[in-house]
Amino acid sequence: MAATTDEVSGGRLILGLGAGWHDAEYDAFGFPKDHRVDRFEEALGIVVPLLRGKTVTFEGEYFTTRDAVLEPAPSRDIPVLVAAFGPGCCT
């Protein structure tokens, strides 16, 4: 979806990603709430290379993928904005 949105917007997409914080959303989708930052870090290790047109093989504690490819590949490197908020942040 990000690649398509970037294409139809003429290359104006900045993809914002975060680990999430609202427990009700985790519950609604059945996502585990433990180790959010660790899970997010692994997810970034998969998503960002895919957005760069790379084939991704990854085996982590939470996610595994073999020869994953994003098709259609983005026509440019889509900027990724990583957001966070917590203790020690934003003081």
PDB file of N, CA and C in Angstrom:
ATOM      1  N   MET A   1       0.814  -1.180   0.000  1.00  0.00           N
ATOM      2  CA  MET A   1       0.000   0.000   0.000  1.00  0.00           C
ATOM      3  C   MET A   1       0.866   1.254   0.000  1.00  0.00           C
ATOM      4  N   ALA A   2       1.974   1.209   0.732  1.00  0.00           N
ATOM      5  CA  ALA A   2       2.852   2.382   0.784  1.00  0.00           C
ATOM      6  C   ALA A   2       3.431   2.679  -0.597  1.00  0.00           C
ATOM      7  N   ALA A   3       3.865   1.639  -1.307  1.00  0.00           N
ATOM      8  CA  ALA A   3       4.438   1.844  -2.636  1.00  0.00           C
ATOM      9  C   ALA A   3       3.401   2.425  -3.590  1.00  0.00           C
ATOM     10  N   THR A   4       2.185   1.927  -3.527  1.00  0.00           N
ATOM     11  CA  THR A   4       1.123   2.429  -4.388  1.00  0.00           C
ATOM     12  C   THR A   4       0.769   3.866  -4.033  1.00  0.00           C
ATOM     13  N   THR A   5       0.641   4.150  -2.739  1.00  0.00           N
ATOM     14  CA  THR A   5       0.327   5.512  -2.303  1.00  0.00           C
ATOM     15  C   THR A   5       1.409   6.478  -2.735  1.00  0.00           C
ATOM     16  N   ASP A   6       2.671   6.068  -2.611  1.00  0.00           N
ATOM     17  CA  ASP A   6       3.763   6.921  -3.040  1.00  0.00           C
ATOM     18  C   ASP A   6       3.680   7.189  -4.542  1.00  0.00           C
ATOM     19  N   GLU A   7       3.354   6.177  -5.302  1.00  0.00           N
ATOM     20  CA  GLU A   7       3.264   6.311  -6.754  1.00  0.00           C
ATOM     21  C   GLU A   7       2.143   7.274  -7.150  1.00  0.00           C
ATOM     22  N   VAL A   8       0.951   7.074  -6.603  1.00  0.00           N
ATOM     23  CA  VAL A   8      -0.177   7.920  -6.999  1.00  0.00           C
ATOM     24  C   VAL A   8      -0.059   9.343  -6.445  1.00  0.00           C
ATOM     25  N   SER A   9       0.773   9.544  -5.415  1.00  0.00           N
ATOM     26  CA  SER A   9       0.958  10.885  -4.860  1.00  0.00           C
ATOM     27  C   SER A   9       2.114  11.622  -5.519  1.00  0.00           C
ATOM     28  N   GLY A  10       2.727  10.997  -6.507  1.00  0.00           N
ATOM     29  CA  GLY A  10       3.845  11.649  -7.176  1.00  0.00           C
ATOM     30  C   GLY A  10       5.097  11.693  -6.325  1.00  0.00           C
ATOM     31  N   GLY A  11       5.271  10.681  -5.473  1.00  0.00           N
ATOM     32  CA  GLY A  11       6.494  10.598  -4.669  1.00  0.00           C
ATOM     33  C   GLY A  11       6.488  11.498  -3.447  1.00  0.00           C
ATOM     34  N   ARG A  12       5.322  11.735  -2.878  1.00  0.00           N
ATOM     35  CA  ARG A  12       5.235  12.633  -1.721  1.00  0.00           C
ATOM     36  C   ARG A  12       5.033  11.904  -0.403  1.00  0.00           C
ATOM     37  N   LEU A  13       5.000  10.583  -0.406  1.00  0.00           N
ATOM     38  CA  LEU A  13       4.740   9.837   0.826  1.00  0.00           C
ATOM     39  C   LEU A  13       5.954   9.829   1.751  1.00  0.00           C
ATOM     40  N   ILE A  14       5.679  10.067   3.013  1.00  0.00           N
ATOM     41  CA  ILE A  14       6.625   9.778   4.092  1.00  0.00           C
ATOM     42  C   ILE A  14       5.892   8.793   4.976  1.00  0.00           C
ATOM     43  N   LEU A  15       6.407   7.583   5.084  1.00  0.00           N
ATOM     44  CA  LEU A  15       5.735   6.524   5.829  1.00  0.00           C
ATOM     45  C   LEU A  15       6.083   6.628   7.303  1.00  0.00           C
ATOM     46  N   GLY A  16       5.089   6.915   8.129  1.00  0.00           N
ATOM     47  CA  GLY A  16       5.286   7.013   9.562  1.00  0.00           C
ATOM     48  C   GLY A  16       4.975   5.692  10.240  1.00  0.00           C
ATOM     49  N   LEU A  17       5.904   5.192  11.024  1.00  0.00           N
ATOM     50  CA  LEU A  17       5.733   3.914  11.722  1.00  0.00           C
ATOM     51  C   LEU A  17       6.066   4.082  13.196  1.00  0.00           C
ATOM     52  N   GLY A  18       5.342   3.356  14.030  1.00  0.00           N
ATOM     53  CA  GLY A  18       5.606   3.388  15.463  1.00  0.00           C
ATOM     54  C   GLY A  18       5.227   2.054  16.087  1.00  0.00           C
ATOM     55  N   ALA A  19       5.648   1.855  17.309  1.00  0.00           N
ATOM     56  CA  ALA A  19       5.392   0.588  17.997  1.00  0.00           C
ATOM     57  C   ALA A  19       3.967   0.492  18.518  1.00  0.00           C
ATOM     58  N   GLY A  20       3.276   1.600  18.603  1.00  0.00           N
ATOM     59  CA  GLY A  20       1.917   1.593  19.135  1.00  0.00           C
ATOM     60  C   GLY A  20       1.924   1.744  20.645  1.00  0.00           C
ATOM     61  N   TRP A  21       0.773   2.154  21.175  1.00  0.00           N
ATOM     62  CA  TRP A  21       0.686   2.366  22.614  1.00  0.00           C
ATOM     63  C   TRP A  21      -0.717   2.096  23.154  1.00  0.00           C
ATOM     64  N   HIS A  22      -1.722   2.157  22.317  1.00  0.00           N
ATOM     65  CA  HIS A  22      -3.108   2.085  22.773  1.00  0.00           C
ATOM     66  C   HIS A  22      -3.529   0.619  22.918  1.00  0.00           C
ATOM     67  N   ASP A  23      -3.626   0.160  24.159  1.00  0.00           N
ATOM     68  CA  ASP A  23      -3.918  -1.254  24.430  1.00  0.00           C
ATOM     69  C   ASP A  23      -5.196  -1.742  23.753  1.00  0.00           C
ATOM     70  N   ALA A  24      -6.199  -0.893  23.668  1.00  0.00           N
ATOM     71  CA  ALA A  24      -7.467  -1.310  23.052  1.00  0.00           C
ATOM     72  C   ALA A  24      -7.266  -1.702  21.583  1.00  0.00           C
ATOM     73  N   GLU A  25      -6.373  -1.025  20.882  1.00  0.00           N
ATOM     74  CA  GLU A  25      -6.096  -1.382  19.487  1.00  0.00           C
ATOM     75  C   GLU A  25      -5.391  -2.742  19.412  1.00  0.00           C
ATOM     76  N   TYR A  26      -4.449  -2.971  20.296  1.00  0.00           N
ATOM     77  CA  TYR A  26      -3.784  -4.276  20.337  1.00  0.00           C
ATOM     78  C   TYR A  26      -4.806  -5.380  20.589  1.00  0.00           C
ATOM     79  N   ASP A  27      -5.680  -5.145  21.552  1.00  0.00           N
ATOM     80  CA  ASP A  27      -6.714  -6.134  21.878  1.00  0.00           C
ATOM     81  C   ASP A  27      -7.660  -6.361  20.703  1.00  0.00           C
ATOM     82  N   ALA A  28      -8.073  -5.290  20.039  1.00  0.00           N
ATOM     83  CA  ALA A  28      -9.029  -5.399  18.932  1.00  0.00           C
ATOM     84  C   ALA A  28      -8.486  -6.246  17.789  1.00  0.00           C
ATOM     85  N   PHE A  29      -7.179  -6.158  17.545  1.00  0.00           N
ATOM     86  CA  PHE A  29      -6.574  -6.902  16.445  1.00  0.00           C
ATOM     87  C   PHE A  29      -5.910  -8.204  16.888  1.00  0.00           C
ATOM     88  N   GLY A  30      -5.920  -8.472  18.191  1.00  0.00           N
ATOM     89  CA  GLY A  30      -5.325  -9.699  18.700  1.00  0.00           C
ATOM     90  C   GLY A  30      -3.809  -9.687  18.694  1.00  0.00           C
ATOM     91  N   PHE A  31      -3.214  -8.499  18.741  1.00  0.00           N
ATOM     92  CA  PHE A  31      -1.758  -8.399  18.747  1.00  0.00           C
ATOM     93  C   PHE A  31      -1.239  -8.535  20.171  1.00  0.00           C
ATOM     94  N   PRO A  32      -0.119  -9.221  20.361  1.00  0.00           N
ATOM     95  CA  PRO A  32       0.465  -9.314  21.702  1.00  0.00           C
ATOM     96  C   PRO A  32       0.997  -7.951  22.142  1.00  0.00           C
ATOM     97  N   LYS A  33       0.889  -7.681  23.437  1.00  0.00           N
ATOM     98  CA  LYS A  33       1.313  -6.384  23.968  1.00  0.00           C
ATOM     99  C   LYS A  33       2.693  -6.434  24.622  1.00  0.00           C
ATOM    100  N   ASP A  34       3.270  -7.618  24.701  1.00  0.00           N
ATOM    101  CA  ASP A  34       4.584  -7.716  25.340  1.00  0.00           C
ATOM    102  C   ASP A  34       5.690  -7.393  24.322  1.00  0.00           C
ATOM    103  N   HIS A  35       6.779  -6.912  24.791  1.00  0.00           N
ATOM    104  CA  HIS A  35       7.984  -6.682  23.977  1.00  0.00           C
ATOM    105  C   HIS A  35       7.692  -5.826  22.747  1.00  0.00           C
ATOM    106  N   ARG A  36       6.899  -4.780  22.914  1.00  0.00           N
ATOM    107  CA  ARG A  36       6.489  -3.953  21.773  1.00  0.00           C
ATOM    108  C   ARG A  36       7.662  -3.374  21.005  1.00  0.00           C
ATOM    109  N   VAL A  37       8.640  -2.849  21.722  1.00  0.00           N
ATOM    110  CA  VAL A  37       9.779  -2.217  21.052  1.00  0.00           C
ATOM    111  C   VAL A  37      10.625  -3.265  20.330  1.00  0.00           C
ATOM    112  N   ASP A  38      10.842  -4.403  20.954  1.00  0.00           N
ATOM    113  CA  ASP A  38      11.608  -5.469  20.301  1.00  0.00           C
ATOM    114  C   ASP A  38      10.901  -5.964  19.042  1.00  0.00           C
ATOM    115  N   ARG A  39       9.601  -6.131  19.124  1.00  0.00           N
ATOM    116  CA  ARG A  39       8.822  -6.559  17.956  1.00  0.00           C
ATOM    117  C   ARG A  39       8.898  -5.503  16.853  1.00  0.00           C
ATOM    118  N   PHE A  40       8.785  -4.242  17.252  1.00  0.00           N
ATOM    119  CA  PHE A  40       8.846  -3.146  16.289  1.00  0.00           C
ATOM    120  C   PHE A  40      10.211  -3.099  15.606  1.00  0.00           C
ATOM    121  N   GLU A  41      11.260  -3.282  16.381  1.00  0.00           N
ATOM    122  CA  GLU A  41      12.611  -3.279  15.806  1.00  0.00           C
ATOM    123  C   GLU A  41      12.755  -4.376  14.751  1.00  0.00           C
ATOM    124  N   GLU A  42      12.249  -5.570  15.054  1.00  0.00           N
ATOM    125  CA  GLU A  42      12.310  -6.649  14.072  1.00  0.00           C
ATOM    126  C   GLU A  42      11.476  -6.319  12.838  1.00  0.00           C
ATOM    127  N   ALA A  43      10.292  -5.761  13.061  1.00  0.00           N
ATOM    128  CA  ALA A  43       9.432  -5.408  11.927  1.00  0.00           C
ATOM    129  C   ALA A  43      10.124  -4.401  11.019  1.00  0.00           C
ATOM    130  N   LEU A  44      10.800  -3.420  11.594  1.00  0.00           N
ATOM    131  CA  LEU A  44      11.536  -2.448  10.782  1.00  0.00           C
ATOM    132  C   LEU A  44      12.632  -3.120   9.969  1.00  0.00           C
ATOM    133  N   GLY A  45      13.256  -4.154  10.552  1.00  0.00           N
ATOM    134  CA  GLY A  45      14.296  -4.893   9.836  1.00  0.00           C
ATOM    135  C   GLY A  45      13.775  -5.643   8.622  1.00  0.00           C
ATOM    136  N   ILE A  46      12.472  -5.792   8.541  1.00  0.00           N
ATOM    137  CA  ILE A  46      11.835  -6.424   7.382  1.00  0.00           C
ATOM    138  C   ILE A  46      11.250  -5.373   6.450  1.00  0.00           C
ATOM    139  N   VAL A  47      10.482  -4.445   7.001  1.00  0.00           N
ATOM    140  CA  VAL A  47       9.738  -3.483   6.197  1.00  0.00           C
ATOM    141  C   VAL A  47      10.659  -2.526   5.439  1.00  0.00           C
ATOM    142  N   VAL A  48      11.651  -1.954   6.106  1.00  0.00           N
ATOM    143  CA  VAL A  48      12.501  -0.958   5.454  1.00  0.00           C
ATOM    144  C   VAL A  48      13.267  -1.549   4.267  1.00  0.00           C
ATOM    145  N   PRO A  49      13.920  -2.693   4.394  1.00  0.00           N
ATOM    146  CA  PRO A  49      14.574  -3.257   3.204  1.00  0.00           C
ATOM    147  C   PRO A  49      13.584  -3.567   2.080  1.00  0.00           C
ATOM    148  N   LEU A  50      12.386  -4.020   2.420  1.00  0.00           N
ATOM    149  CA  LEU A  50      11.381  -4.258   1.376  1.00  0.00           C
ATOM    150  C   LEU A  50      11.063  -2.970   0.632  1.00  0.00           C
ATOM    151  N   LEU A  51      10.956  -1.876   1.371  1.00  0.00           N
ATOM    152  CA  LEU A  51      10.685  -0.580   0.749  1.00  0.00           C
ATOM    153  C   LEU A  51      11.853  -0.084  -0.098  1.00  0.00           C
ATOM    154  N   ARG A  52      13.013  -0.668   0.114  1.00  0.00           N
ATOM    155  CA  ARG A  52      14.201  -0.309  -0.680  1.00  0.00           C
ATOM    156  C   ARG A  52      14.375  -1.241  -1.884  1.00  0.00           C
ATOM    157  N   GLY A  53      13.380  -2.108  -2.108  1.00  0.00           N
ATOM    158  CA  GLY A  53      13.419  -3.000  -3.261  1.00  0.00           C
ATOM    159  C   GLY A  53      14.244  -4.253  -3.053  1.00  0.00           C
ATOM    160  N   LYS A  54      14.570  -4.562  -1.821  1.00  0.00           N
ATOM    161  CA  LYS A  54      15.397  -5.734  -1.536  1.00  0.00           C
ATOM    162  C   LYS A  54      14.540  -6.963  -1.260  1.00  0.00           C
ATOM    163  N   THR A  55      15.118  -8.116  -1.485  1.00  0.00           N
ATOM    164  CA  THR A  55      14.520  -9.382  -1.084  1.00  0.00           C
ATOM    165  C   THR A  55      14.959  -9.634   0.355  1.00  0.00           C
ATOM    166  N   VAL A  56      14.021  -9.999   1.210  1.00  0.00           N
ATOM    167  CA  VAL A  56      14.328 -10.101   2.638  1.00  0.00           C
ATOM    168  C   VAL A  56      14.123 -11.519   3.152  1.00  0.00           C
ATOM    169  N   THR A  57      15.183 -12.041   3.724  1.00  0.00           N
ATOM    170  CA  THR A  57      15.110 -13.270   4.505  1.00  0.00           C
ATOM    171  C   THR A  57      15.503 -12.870   5.919  1.00  0.00           C
ATOM    172  N   PHE A  58      14.640 -13.184   6.861  1.00  0.00           N
ATOM    173  CA  PHE A  58      14.842 -12.716   8.231  1.00  0.00           C
ATOM    174  C   PHE A  58      14.322 -13.772   9.186  1.00  0.00           C
ATOM    175  N   GLU A  59      15.105 -14.035  10.211  1.00  0.00           N
ATOM    176  CA  GLU A  59      14.646 -14.927  11.264  1.00  0.00           C
ATOM    177  C   GLU A  59      14.976 -14.289  12.597  1.00  0.00           C
ATOM    178  N   GLY A  60      13.942 -13.866  13.283  1.00  0.00           N
ATOM    179  CA  GLY A  60      14.117 -13.215  14.574  1.00  0.00           C
ATOM    180  C   GLY A  60      13.371 -13.973  15.642  1.00  0.00           C
ATOM    181  N   GLU A  61      13.250 -13.342  16.772  1.00  0.00           N
ATOM    182  CA  GLU A  61      12.525 -13.960  17.878  1.00  0.00           C
ATOM    183  C   GLU A  61      11.011 -13.916  17.644  1.00  0.00           C
ATOM    184  N   TYR A  62      10.549 -12.885  16.924  1.00  0.00           N
ATOM    185  CA  TYR A  62       9.112 -12.687  16.745  1.00  0.00           C
ATOM    186  C   TYR A  62       8.636 -12.873  15.307  1.00  0.00           C
ATOM    187  N   PHE A  63       9.478 -12.598  14.339  1.00  0.00           N
ATOM    188  CA  PHE A  63       9.085 -12.665  12.933  1.00  0.00           C
ATOM    189  C   PHE A  63      10.091 -13.477  12.131  1.00  0.00           C
ATOM    190  N   THR A  64       9.570 -14.155  11.120  1.00  0.00           N
ATOM    191  CA  THR A  64      10.412 -14.904  10.192  1.00  0.00           C
ATOM    192  C   THR A  64       9.876 -14.687   8.786  1.00  0.00           C
ATOM    193  N   THR A  65      10.759 -14.458   7.846  1.00  0.00           N
ATOM    194  CA  THR A  65      10.363 -14.362   6.446  1.00  0.00           C
ATOM    195  C   THR A  65      11.478 -14.940   5.580  1.00  0.00           C
ATOM    196  N   ARG A  66      11.087 -15.527   4.485  1.00  0.00           N
ATOM    197  CA  ARG A  66      12.069 -16.107   3.561  1.00  0.00           C
ATOM    198  C   ARG A  66      11.799 -15.587   2.169  1.00  0.00           C
ATOM    199  N   ASP A  67      12.802 -14.925   1.612  1.00  0.00           N
ATOM    200  CA  ASP A  67      12.733 -14.418   0.241  1.00  0.00           C
ATOM    201  C   ASP A  67      11.502 -13.548  -0.006  1.00  0.00           C
ATOM    202  N   ALA A  68      11.148 -12.709   0.959  1.00  0.00           N
ATOM    203  CA  ALA A  68      10.009 -11.805   0.801  1.00  0.00           C
ATOM    204  C   ALA A  68      10.380 -10.690  -0.169  1.00  0.00           C
ATOM    205  N   VAL A  69       9.421 -10.336  -1.023  1.00  0.00           N
ATOM    206  CA  VAL A  69       9.620  -9.296  -2.021  1.00  0.00           C
ATOM    207  C   VAL A  69       8.378  -8.416  -2.030  1.00  0.00           C
ATOM    208  N   LEU A  70       8.570  -7.127  -2.142  1.00  0.00           N
ATOM    209  CA  LEU A  70       7.464  -6.197  -2.265  1.00  0.00           C
ATOM    210  C   LEU A  70       7.207  -5.949  -3.745  1.00  0.00           C
ATOM    211  N   GLU A  71       6.014  -6.299  -4.191  1.00  0.00           N
ATOM    212  CA  GLU A  71       5.669  -6.090  -5.597  1.00  0.00           C
ATOM    213  C   GLU A  71       4.338  -5.379  -5.691  1.00  0.00           C
ATOM    214  N   PRO A  72       4.238  -4.325  -6.456  1.00  0.00           N
ATOM    215  CA  PRO A  72       5.346  -3.749  -7.212  1.00  0.00           C
ATOM    216  C   PRO A  72       6.328  -3.042  -6.283  1.00  0.00           C
ATOM    217  N   ALA A  73       7.570  -3.071  -6.663  1.00  0.00           N
ATOM    218  CA  ALA A  73       8.606  -2.405  -5.872  1.00  0.00           C
ATOM    219  C   ALA A  73       8.415  -0.897  -5.976  1.00  0.00           C
ATOM    220  N   PRO A  74       8.703  -0.178  -4.906  1.00  0.00           N
ATOM    221  CA  PRO A  74       8.609   1.282  -4.979  1.00  0.00           C
ATOM    222  C   PRO A  74       9.569   1.829  -6.039  1.00  0.00           C
ATOM    223  N   SER A  75       9.170   2.927  -6.672  1.00  0.00           N
ATOM    224  CA  SER A  75      10.019   3.515  -7.704  1.00  0.00           C
ATOM    225  C   SER A  75      11.108   4.403  -7.108  1.00  0.00           C
ATOM    226  N   ARG A  76      11.055   4.609  -5.800  1.00  0.00           N
ATOM    227  CA  ARG A  76      12.088   5.394  -5.098  1.00  0.00           C
ATOM    228  C   ARG A  76      12.202   4.871  -3.667  1.00  0.00           C
ATOM    229  N   ASP A  77      13.237   5.308  -2.958  1.00  0.00           N
ATOM    230  CA  ASP A  77      13.359   4.971  -1.538  1.00  0.00           C
ATOM    231  C   ASP A  77      12.369   5.828  -0.753  1.00  0.00           C
ATOM    232  N   ILE A  78      11.320   5.208  -0.272  1.00  0.00           N
ATOM    233  CA  ILE A  78      10.303   5.935   0.482  1.00  0.00           C
ATOM    234  C   ILE A  78      10.867   6.293   1.858  1.00  0.00           C
ATOM    235  N   PRO A  79      10.826   7.580   2.215  1.00  0.00           N
ATOM    236  CA  PRO A  79      11.307   7.955   3.549  1.00  0.00           C
ATOM    237  C   PRO A  79      10.449   7.305   4.634  1.00  0.00           C
ATOM    238  N   VAL A  80      11.111   6.850   5.697  1.00  0.00           N
ATOM    239  CA  VAL A  80      10.420   6.227   6.821  1.00  0.00           C
ATOM    240  C   VAL A  80      10.676   7.077   8.060  1.00  0.00           C
ATOM    241  N   LEU A  81       9.601   7.538   8.676  1.00  0.00           N
ATOM    242  CA  LEU A  81       9.664   8.317   9.900  1.00  0.00           C
ATOM    243  C   LEU A  81       9.310   7.390  11.048  1.00  0.00           C
ATOM    244  N   VAL A  82      10.250   7.186  11.958  1.00  0.00           N
ATOM    245  CA  VAL A  82      10.022   6.305  13.107  1.00  0.00           C
ATOM    246  C   VAL A  82       9.669   7.182  14.302  1.00  0.00           C
ATOM    247  N   ALA A  83       8.521   6.893  14.905  1.00  0.00           N
ATOM    248  CA  ALA A  83       8.030   7.704  16.017  1.00  0.00           C
ATOM    249  C   ALA A  83       8.091   6.920  17.318  1.00  0.00           C
ATOM    250  N   ALA A  84       8.364   7.640  18.415  1.00  0.00           N
ATOM    251  CA  ALA A  84       8.394   7.000  19.720  1.00  0.00           C
ATOM    252  C   ALA A  84       8.075   8.023  20.789  1.00  0.00           C
ATOM    253  N   PHE A  85       7.528   7.516  21.886  1.00  0.00           N
ATOM    254  CA  PHE A  85       7.264   8.359  23.037  1.00  0.00           C
ATOM    255  C   PHE A  85       7.311   7.462  24.267  1.00  0.00           C
ATOM    256  N   GLY A  86       7.971   7.911  25.269  1.00  0.00           N
ATOM    257  CA  GLY A  86       8.036   7.138  26.500  1.00  0.00           C
ATOM    258  C   GLY A  86       8.961   7.816  27.498  1.00  0.00           C
ATOM    259  N   PRO A  87       9.254   7.131  28.607  1.00  0.00           N
ATOM    260  CA  PRO A  87      10.148   7.713  29.605  1.00  0.00           C
ATOM    261  C   PRO A  87      11.481   8.099  28.980  1.00  0.00           C
ATOM    262  N   GLY A  88      11.918   9.290  29.247  1.00  0.00           N
ATOM    263  CA  GLY A  88      13.197   9.762  28.713  1.00  0.00           C
ATOM    264  C   GLY A  88      13.089  10.347  27.327  1.00  0.00           C
ATOM    265  N   CYS A  89      11.907  10.313  26.748  1.00  0.00           N
ATOM    266  CA  CYS A  89      11.707  10.842  25.400  1.00  0.00           C
ATOM    267  C   CYS A  89      11.068  12.209  25.472  1.00  0.00           C
ATOM    268  N   CYS A  90      11.510  13.043  24.633  1.00  0.00           N
ATOM    269  CA  CYS A  90      10.812  14.300  24.349  1.00  0.00           C
ATOM    270  C   CYS A  90      10.733  15.221  25.552  1.00  0.00           C
ATOM    271  N   THR A  91      11.801  15.337  26.315  1.00  0.00           N
ATOM    272  CA  THR A  91      11.780  16.230  27.474  1.00  0.00           C
ATOM    273  C   THR A  91      12.263  17.600  27.120  1.00  0.00           C
TER     274      THR A  91
END
